[in-house]
Structures are given as structure tokens and as C-alpha cells.
Amino acid sequence: MFSLIVLFYLADVCNGIHFACNTIFILMAILACVFLLALMLMICSDYCEYEELKEKVLSCKKYIKIAVITCVVTIVISILTPSQKTMYMIAGGIMVNQTASEVINSELYKKIYNAINDKLDYIVKTDKD
């Protein structure tokens, strides 16, 4: 029973993880685009010297790499984290499995199984005669 409680809790947590990953992905994608645009503007402009431009380009490249790596990591986490619906289906599967095993192990089930089996044996025997 404790595992079901944990699964219901994780279902809500997974929903939050998906939202956080999607938000971070969008923000990092926008940040990467802004730095890429700034990099292109710096390269195209003739207002600064070569050494100054080289430092700014390296700085922008560093931030673009960080943003892209963050985007890839958040996408991987978002893909590997199950959705809330999936977590509830897992919990339902566990409940069905537990209930079925309790029913199969009960005395009433065994009696019903034996009665049906005996009746089927009788039907097969009468059909042969």
C-alpha cells in the first residue's frame, strides 16, 4: 500500500518536473538565440578592434554552449520522466496485480476453480460417450 502512496506523490512531482523542464528549455532557447544574434551583430559591426571582438565572440560562444547543453539536458530529463497519466496507469496496474493475487490465493477461488474443472471434465466425458 505504501508503494501506491509514493506513486501518487510521484505523479504530482513528475508533472512539476515536466513543467520546470519545459520552462527552462524555452528560456535557454531564447537565451541562446539572443546570444547568437549578439554574436552575429558583433561580427558584422566594424565598431571594435579585432582583439576586443575576439574576446566578445569567445564569451558569447561560451554562453551559447552552456544554453545549448542546458536545453539538451532538460529535453532528456523531460523525455525520460513519465507523465502523470503514466504514473496513474502504473499505480492501477499494481493495484490490479495485488487484487488478482489476493483473489487467486483465496479459498473461495480454489473451490470455484475445482468445481468448474470438475464440471468441464464431466462434460468432456459425456461428450465422448
N, C-alpha and C. Protein backbone atom coordinates (compact mmCIF):
# COMPACT_ATOMS: atom_id res chain seq x y z
N MET A 1 0.82 -1.20 0.00
CA MET A 1 0.00 0.00 0.00
C MET A 1 0.86 1.26 0.00
N PHE A 2 2.02 1.16 0.70
CA PHE A 2 2.91 2.30 0.76
C PHE A 2 3.43 2.69 -0.61
N SER A 3 3.68 1.68 -1.47
CA SER A 3 4.20 1.97 -2.81
C SER A 3 3.18 2.75 -3.63
N LEU A 4 1.89 2.49 -3.42
CA LEU A 4 0.87 3.25 -4.15
C LEU A 4 0.84 4.70 -3.71
N ILE A 5 1.02 4.94 -2.43
CA ILE A 5 1.05 6.32 -1.93
C ILE A 5 2.23 7.06 -2.54
N VAL A 6 3.37 6.39 -2.59
CA VAL A 6 4.56 7.00 -3.19
C VAL A 6 4.33 7.27 -4.68
N LEU A 7 3.68 6.35 -5.38
CA LEU A 7 3.41 6.56 -6.81
C LEU A 7 2.47 7.74 -7.04
N PHE A 8 1.46 7.88 -6.18
CA PHE A 8 0.56 9.03 -6.32
C PHE A 8 1.30 10.35 -6.07
N TYR A 9 2.22 10.33 -5.10
CA TYR A 9 3.03 11.52 -4.85
C TYR A 9 3.93 11.81 -6.04
N LEU A 10 4.58 10.77 -6.56
CA LEU A 10 5.49 10.97 -7.70
C LEU A 10 4.75 11.43 -8.95
N ALA A 11 3.48 11.08 -9.07
CA ALA A 11 2.69 11.53 -10.22
C ALA A 11 2.61 13.06 -10.23
N ASP A 12 2.39 13.65 -9.06
CA ASP A 12 2.35 15.11 -8.99
C ASP A 12 3.73 15.71 -9.18
N VAL A 13 4.76 15.06 -8.64
CA VAL A 13 6.13 15.56 -8.79
C VAL A 13 6.55 15.51 -10.26
N CYS A 14 6.21 14.43 -10.95
CA CYS A 14 6.56 14.31 -12.37
C CYS A 14 5.92 15.41 -13.20
N ASN A 15 4.70 15.77 -12.85
CA ASN A 15 4.03 16.85 -13.56
C ASN A 15 4.81 18.16 -13.38
N GLY A 16 5.29 18.41 -12.16
CA GLY A 16 6.10 19.61 -11.90
C GLY A 16 7.44 19.57 -12.62
N ILE A 17 8.03 18.38 -12.70
CA ILE A 17 9.32 18.24 -13.40
C ILE A 17 9.14 18.56 -14.88
N HIS A 18 8.06 18.07 -15.48
CA HIS A 18 7.80 18.37 -16.89
C HIS A 18 7.64 19.86 -17.11
N PHE A 19 6.88 20.52 -16.24
CA PHE A 19 6.67 21.96 -16.37
C PHE A 19 8.00 22.72 -16.22
N ALA A 20 8.80 22.34 -15.22
CA ALA A 20 10.08 23.02 -14.99
C ALA A 20 11.03 22.81 -16.17
N CYS A 21 11.11 21.60 -16.67
CA CYS A 21 11.99 21.31 -17.81
C CYS A 21 11.57 22.09 -19.05
N ASN A 22 10.28 22.13 -19.30
CA ASN A 22 9.80 22.88 -20.47
C ASN A 22 10.07 24.37 -20.33
N THR A 23 9.89 24.91 -19.13
CA THR A 23 10.16 26.33 -18.89
C THR A 23 11.64 26.64 -19.07
N ILE A 24 12.49 25.82 -18.48
CA ILE A 24 13.94 26.03 -18.61
C ILE A 24 14.37 25.90 -20.07
N PHE A 25 13.81 24.93 -20.78
CA PHE A 25 14.15 24.75 -22.19
C PHE A 25 13.80 26.00 -23.00
N ILE A 26 12.60 26.54 -22.78
CA ILE A 26 12.19 27.73 -23.53
C ILE A 26 13.09 28.91 -23.19
N LEU A 27 13.38 29.11 -21.91
CA LEU A 27 14.24 30.23 -21.52
C LEU A 27 15.66 30.09 -22.09
N MET A 28 16.21 28.88 -22.05
CA MET A 28 17.56 28.68 -22.57
C MET A 28 17.60 28.80 -24.10
N ALA A 29 16.54 28.38 -24.76
CA ALA A 29 16.49 28.53 -26.22
C ALA A 29 16.44 30.01 -26.59
N ILE A 30 15.65 30.77 -25.86
CA ILE A 30 15.59 32.22 -26.11
C ILE A 30 16.94 32.85 -25.82
N LEU A 31 17.57 32.46 -24.72
CA LEU A 31 18.89 32.99 -24.36
C LEU A 31 19.93 32.66 -25.43
N ALA A 32 19.91 31.43 -25.93
CA ALA A 32 20.86 31.04 -26.98
C ALA A 32 20.63 31.87 -28.24
N CYS A 33 19.37 32.11 -28.59
CA CYS A 33 19.06 32.93 -29.77
C CYS A 33 19.54 34.36 -29.59
N VAL A 34 19.35 34.90 -28.39
CA VAL A 34 19.80 36.28 -28.12
C VAL A 34 21.31 36.37 -28.23
N PHE A 35 22.03 35.42 -27.64
CA PHE A 35 23.49 35.46 -27.73
C PHE A 35 23.97 35.20 -29.15
N LEU A 36 23.28 34.36 -29.89
CA LEU A 36 23.63 34.12 -31.28
C LEU A 36 23.42 35.39 -32.11
N LEU A 37 22.33 36.08 -31.85
CA LEU A 37 22.07 37.34 -32.55
C LEU A 37 23.11 38.38 -32.18
N ALA A 38 23.46 38.46 -30.90
CA ALA A 38 24.50 39.40 -30.47
C ALA A 38 25.84 39.06 -31.12
N LEU A 39 26.14 37.77 -31.22
CA LEU A 39 27.38 37.33 -31.86
C LEU A 39 27.41 37.74 -33.32
N MET A 40 26.30 37.55 -34.00
CA MET A 40 26.24 37.94 -35.41
C MET A 40 26.37 39.45 -35.57
N LEU A 41 25.74 40.20 -34.69
CA LEU A 41 25.86 41.66 -34.77
C LEU A 41 27.28 42.13 -34.49
N MET A 42 27.96 41.49 -33.55
CA MET A 42 29.34 41.87 -33.26
C MET A 42 30.25 41.57 -34.43
N ILE A 43 30.03 40.43 -35.07
CA ILE A 43 30.88 40.05 -36.20
C ILE A 43 30.65 41.00 -37.37
N CYS A 44 29.40 41.38 -37.58
CA CYS A 44 29.07 42.24 -38.72
C CYS A 44 29.44 43.70 -38.50
N SER A 45 29.53 44.12 -37.24
CA SER A 45 29.82 45.53 -36.98
C SER A 45 31.33 45.79 -37.06
N ASP A 46 31.68 47.00 -37.41
CA ASP A 46 33.08 47.40 -37.52
C ASP A 46 33.47 48.39 -36.43
N TYR A 47 32.74 48.37 -35.32
CA TYR A 47 32.96 49.37 -34.27
C TYR A 47 34.05 49.01 -33.28
N CYS A 48 34.50 47.78 -33.23
CA CYS A 48 35.52 47.41 -32.25
C CYS A 48 36.72 46.77 -32.94
N GLU A 49 37.81 46.77 -32.22
CA GLU A 49 39.04 46.21 -32.76
C GLU A 49 38.97 44.68 -32.77
N TYR A 50 39.91 44.07 -33.46
CA TYR A 50 39.91 42.62 -33.64
C TYR A 50 40.04 41.88 -32.32
N GLU A 51 40.97 42.30 -31.46
CA GLU A 51 41.18 41.60 -30.18
C GLU A 51 39.96 41.72 -29.28
N GLU A 52 39.35 42.89 -29.25
CA GLU A 52 38.14 43.10 -28.44
C GLU A 52 36.99 42.24 -28.99
N LEU A 53 36.87 42.19 -30.31
CA LEU A 53 35.84 41.39 -30.95
C LEU A 53 36.07 39.90 -30.66
N LYS A 54 37.33 39.48 -30.69
CA LYS A 54 37.65 38.09 -30.44
C LYS A 54 37.24 37.68 -29.02
N GLU A 55 37.48 38.53 -28.03
CA GLU A 55 37.10 38.25 -26.65
C GLU A 55 35.58 38.17 -26.51
N LYS A 56 34.87 39.09 -27.14
CA LYS A 56 33.41 39.09 -27.07
C LYS A 56 32.81 37.86 -27.75
N VAL A 57 33.40 37.47 -28.87
CA VAL A 57 32.92 36.29 -29.59
C VAL A 57 33.13 35.03 -28.74
N LEU A 58 34.30 34.92 -28.12
CA LEU A 58 34.56 33.76 -27.26
C LEU A 58 33.61 33.73 -26.07
N SER A 59 33.31 34.90 -25.52
CA SER A 59 32.38 34.98 -24.40
C SER A 59 30.97 34.56 -24.83
N CYS A 60 30.53 35.03 -25.99
CA CYS A 60 29.21 34.66 -26.50
C CYS A 60 29.14 33.17 -26.82
N LYS A 61 30.20 32.62 -27.40
CA LYS A 61 30.23 31.20 -27.72
C LYS A 61 30.11 30.36 -26.44
N LYS A 62 30.76 30.82 -25.38
CA LYS A 62 30.70 30.10 -24.11
C LYS A 62 29.26 30.07 -23.59
N TYR A 63 28.58 31.20 -23.62
CA TYR A 63 27.20 31.25 -23.14
C TYR A 63 26.25 30.46 -24.04
N ILE A 64 26.51 30.47 -25.34
CA ILE A 64 25.68 29.70 -26.26
C ILE A 64 25.85 28.20 -25.98
N LYS A 65 27.09 27.75 -25.75
CA LYS A 65 27.33 26.34 -25.44
C LYS A 65 26.61 25.94 -24.15
N ILE A 66 26.68 26.79 -23.13
CA ILE A 66 26.00 26.50 -21.86
C ILE A 66 24.49 26.40 -22.08
N ALA A 67 23.94 27.32 -22.86
CA ALA A 67 22.49 27.30 -23.12
C ALA A 67 22.08 26.06 -23.90
N VAL A 68 22.87 25.69 -24.89
CA VAL A 68 22.54 24.51 -25.70
C VAL A 68 22.64 23.23 -24.87
N ILE A 69 23.69 23.11 -24.06
CA ILE A 69 23.84 21.93 -23.19
C ILE A 69 22.67 21.84 -22.20
N THR A 70 22.29 22.98 -21.64
CA THR A 70 21.14 23.00 -20.72
C THR A 70 19.87 22.59 -21.43
N CYS A 71 19.67 23.04 -22.67
CA CYS A 71 18.49 22.64 -23.45
C CYS A 71 18.47 21.14 -23.68
N VAL A 72 19.61 20.57 -24.05
CA VAL A 72 19.68 19.13 -24.31
C VAL A 72 19.39 18.33 -23.02
N VAL A 73 19.97 18.76 -21.90
CA VAL A 73 19.75 18.06 -20.64
C VAL A 73 18.29 18.13 -20.22
N THR A 74 17.67 19.30 -20.34
CA THR A 74 16.26 19.42 -19.95
C THR A 74 15.35 18.60 -20.85
N ILE A 75 15.67 18.52 -22.14
CA ILE A 75 14.86 17.70 -23.05
C ILE A 75 14.99 16.22 -22.68
N VAL A 76 16.20 15.77 -22.37
CA VAL A 76 16.40 14.37 -21.99
C VAL A 76 15.65 14.06 -20.70
N ILE A 77 15.74 14.93 -19.71
CA ILE A 77 15.02 14.72 -18.45
C ILE A 77 13.51 14.71 -18.70
N SER A 78 13.04 15.61 -19.53
CA SER A 78 11.61 15.68 -19.82
C SER A 78 11.13 14.42 -20.54
N ILE A 79 11.94 13.89 -21.43
CA ILE A 79 11.56 12.67 -22.16
C ILE A 79 11.56 11.46 -21.23
N LEU A 80 12.56 11.35 -20.36
CA LEU A 80 12.69 10.17 -19.51
C LEU A 80 11.75 10.17 -18.30
N THR A 81 11.23 11.33 -17.94
CA THR A 81 10.31 11.41 -16.81
C THR A 81 8.91 11.03 -17.27
N PRO A 82 8.29 10.05 -16.62
CA PRO A 82 6.95 9.66 -17.06
C PRO A 82 5.92 10.74 -16.76
N SER A 83 4.87 10.76 -17.55
CA SER A 83 3.82 11.75 -17.33
C SER A 83 2.94 11.34 -16.16
N GLN A 84 2.09 12.26 -15.73
CA GLN A 84 1.18 11.98 -14.63
C GLN A 84 0.23 10.84 -14.99
N LYS A 85 -0.23 10.82 -16.22
CA LYS A 85 -1.13 9.76 -16.68
C LYS A 85 -0.43 8.40 -16.61
N THR A 86 0.82 8.35 -17.02
CA THR A 86 1.57 7.09 -16.97
C THR A 86 1.76 6.61 -15.54
N MET A 87 2.03 7.54 -14.63
CA MET A 87 2.20 7.16 -13.23
C MET A 87 0.91 6.58 -12.66
N TYR A 88 -0.23 7.17 -13.02
CA TYR A 88 -1.50 6.64 -12.54
C TYR A 88 -1.79 5.27 -13.16
N MET A 89 -1.39 5.06 -14.41
CA MET A 89 -1.58 3.74 -15.02
C MET A 89 -0.69 2.70 -14.34
N ILE A 90 0.52 3.08 -13.96
CA ILE A 90 1.40 2.16 -13.22
C ILE A 90 0.77 1.81 -11.88
N ALA A 91 0.23 2.81 -11.19
CA ALA A 91 -0.42 2.55 -9.89
C ALA A 91 -1.62 1.64 -10.07
N GLY A 92 -2.39 1.85 -11.13
CA GLY A 92 -3.54 0.99 -11.40
C GLY A 92 -3.11 -0.44 -11.69
N GLY A 93 -2.03 -0.61 -12.44
CA GLY A 93 -1.51 -1.94 -12.71
C GLY A 93 -1.07 -2.65 -11.45
N ILE A 94 -0.43 -1.93 -10.55
CA ILE A 94 -0.01 -2.53 -9.27
C ILE A 94 -1.23 -2.94 -8.45
N MET A 95 -2.26 -2.07 -8.43
CA MET A 95 -3.47 -2.41 -7.67
C MET A 95 -4.15 -3.65 -8.24
N VAL A 96 -4.25 -3.73 -9.56
CA VAL A 96 -4.88 -4.90 -10.19
C VAL A 96 -4.08 -6.16 -9.89
N ASN A 97 -2.76 -6.07 -9.96
CA ASN A 97 -1.90 -7.22 -9.70
C ASN A 97 -2.07 -7.70 -8.26
N GLN A 98 -2.10 -6.76 -7.29
CA GLN A 98 -2.27 -7.13 -5.90
C GLN A 98 -3.63 -7.76 -5.66
N THR A 99 -4.67 -7.16 -6.24
CA THR A 99 -6.02 -7.69 -6.06
C THR A 99 -6.15 -9.07 -6.68
N ALA A 100 -5.61 -9.25 -7.87
CA ALA A 100 -5.69 -10.55 -8.54
C ALA A 100 -4.96 -11.62 -7.75
N SER A 101 -3.80 -11.29 -7.21
CA SER A 101 -3.06 -12.30 -6.44
C SER A 101 -3.79 -12.65 -5.16
N GLU A 102 -4.48 -11.68 -4.54
CA GLU A 102 -5.27 -11.98 -3.34
C GLU A 102 -6.45 -12.88 -3.67
N VAL A 103 -7.09 -12.62 -4.80
CA VAL A 103 -8.24 -13.43 -5.20
C VAL A 103 -7.80 -14.85 -5.55
N ILE A 104 -6.72 -14.98 -6.29
CA ILE A 104 -6.25 -16.30 -6.71
C ILE A 104 -5.83 -17.14 -5.51
N ASN A 105 -5.31 -16.53 -4.49
CA ASN A 105 -4.85 -17.26 -3.31
C ASN A 105 -5.97 -17.55 -2.31
N SER A 106 -7.18 -17.07 -2.56
CA SER A 106 -8.26 -17.28 -1.60
C SER A 106 -8.85 -18.69 -1.75
N GLU A 107 -9.43 -19.16 -0.67
CA GLU A 107 -10.05 -20.49 -0.66
C GLU A 107 -11.27 -20.54 -1.58
N LEU A 108 -12.06 -19.50 -1.61
CA LEU A 108 -13.25 -19.47 -2.45
C LEU A 108 -12.88 -19.63 -3.92
N TYR A 109 -11.83 -18.96 -4.35
CA TYR A 109 -11.38 -19.08 -5.74
C TYR A 109 -10.98 -20.53 -6.05
N LYS A 110 -10.26 -21.14 -5.13
CA LYS A 110 -9.82 -22.53 -5.35
C LYS A 110 -11.02 -23.47 -5.46
N LYS A 111 -12.05 -23.25 -4.61
CA LYS A 111 -13.25 -24.09 -4.66
C LYS A 111 -14.00 -23.90 -5.98
N ILE A 112 -14.13 -22.65 -6.41
CA ILE A 112 -14.81 -22.36 -7.68
C ILE A 112 -14.04 -22.97 -8.84
N TYR A 113 -12.73 -22.84 -8.81
CA TYR A 113 -11.87 -23.40 -9.86
C TYR A 113 -12.04 -24.92 -9.94
N ASN A 114 -12.03 -25.58 -8.79
CA ASN A 114 -12.18 -27.04 -8.77
C ASN A 114 -13.57 -27.46 -9.25
N ALA A 115 -14.60 -26.70 -8.86
CA ALA A 115 -15.96 -27.04 -9.28
C ALA A 115 -16.11 -26.89 -10.79
N ILE A 116 -15.59 -25.82 -11.33
CA ILE A 116 -15.66 -25.62 -12.79
C ILE A 116 -14.85 -26.68 -13.52
N ASN A 117 -13.70 -27.00 -13.00
CA ASN A 117 -12.84 -28.02 -13.61
C ASN A 117 -13.54 -29.39 -13.60
N ASP A 118 -14.16 -29.73 -12.47
CA ASP A 118 -14.90 -31.00 -12.40
C ASP A 118 -16.06 -31.02 -13.38
N LYS A 119 -16.78 -29.90 -13.49
CA LYS A 119 -17.92 -29.84 -14.42
C LYS A 119 -17.44 -29.97 -15.86
N LEU A 120 -16.32 -29.33 -16.20
CA LEU A 120 -15.77 -29.46 -17.56
C LEU A 120 -15.33 -30.89 -17.85
N ASP A 121 -14.73 -31.55 -16.85
CA ASP A 121 -14.35 -32.96 -17.03
C ASP A 121 -15.59 -33.82 -17.28
N TYR A 122 -16.66 -33.55 -16.55
CA TYR A 122 -17.91 -34.30 -16.72
C TYR A 122 -18.48 -34.09 -18.13
N ILE A 123 -18.44 -32.81 -18.61
CA ILE A 123 -18.98 -32.50 -19.93
C ILE A 123 -18.16 -33.20 -21.01
N VAL A 124 -16.84 -33.17 -20.88
CA VAL A 124 -15.97 -33.83 -21.86
C VAL A 124 -16.20 -35.33 -21.85
N LYS A 125 -16.38 -35.91 -20.66
CA LYS A 125 -16.60 -37.36 -20.54
C LYS A 125 -17.94 -37.76 -21.16
N THR A 126 -18.99 -36.96 -20.96
CA THR A 126 -20.31 -37.28 -21.54
C THR A 126 -20.32 -37.07 -23.04
N ASP A 127 -19.55 -36.15 -23.54
CA ASP A 127 -19.47 -35.93 -24.99
C ASP A 127 -18.81 -37.11 -25.70
N LYS A 128 -17.84 -37.75 -25.02
CA LYS A 128 -17.15 -38.90 -25.62
C LYS A 128 -18.07 -40.12 -25.67
N ASP A 129 -18.98 -40.23 -24.72
CA ASP A 129 -19.88 -41.39 -24.68
C ASP A 129 -20.98 -41.25 -25.64
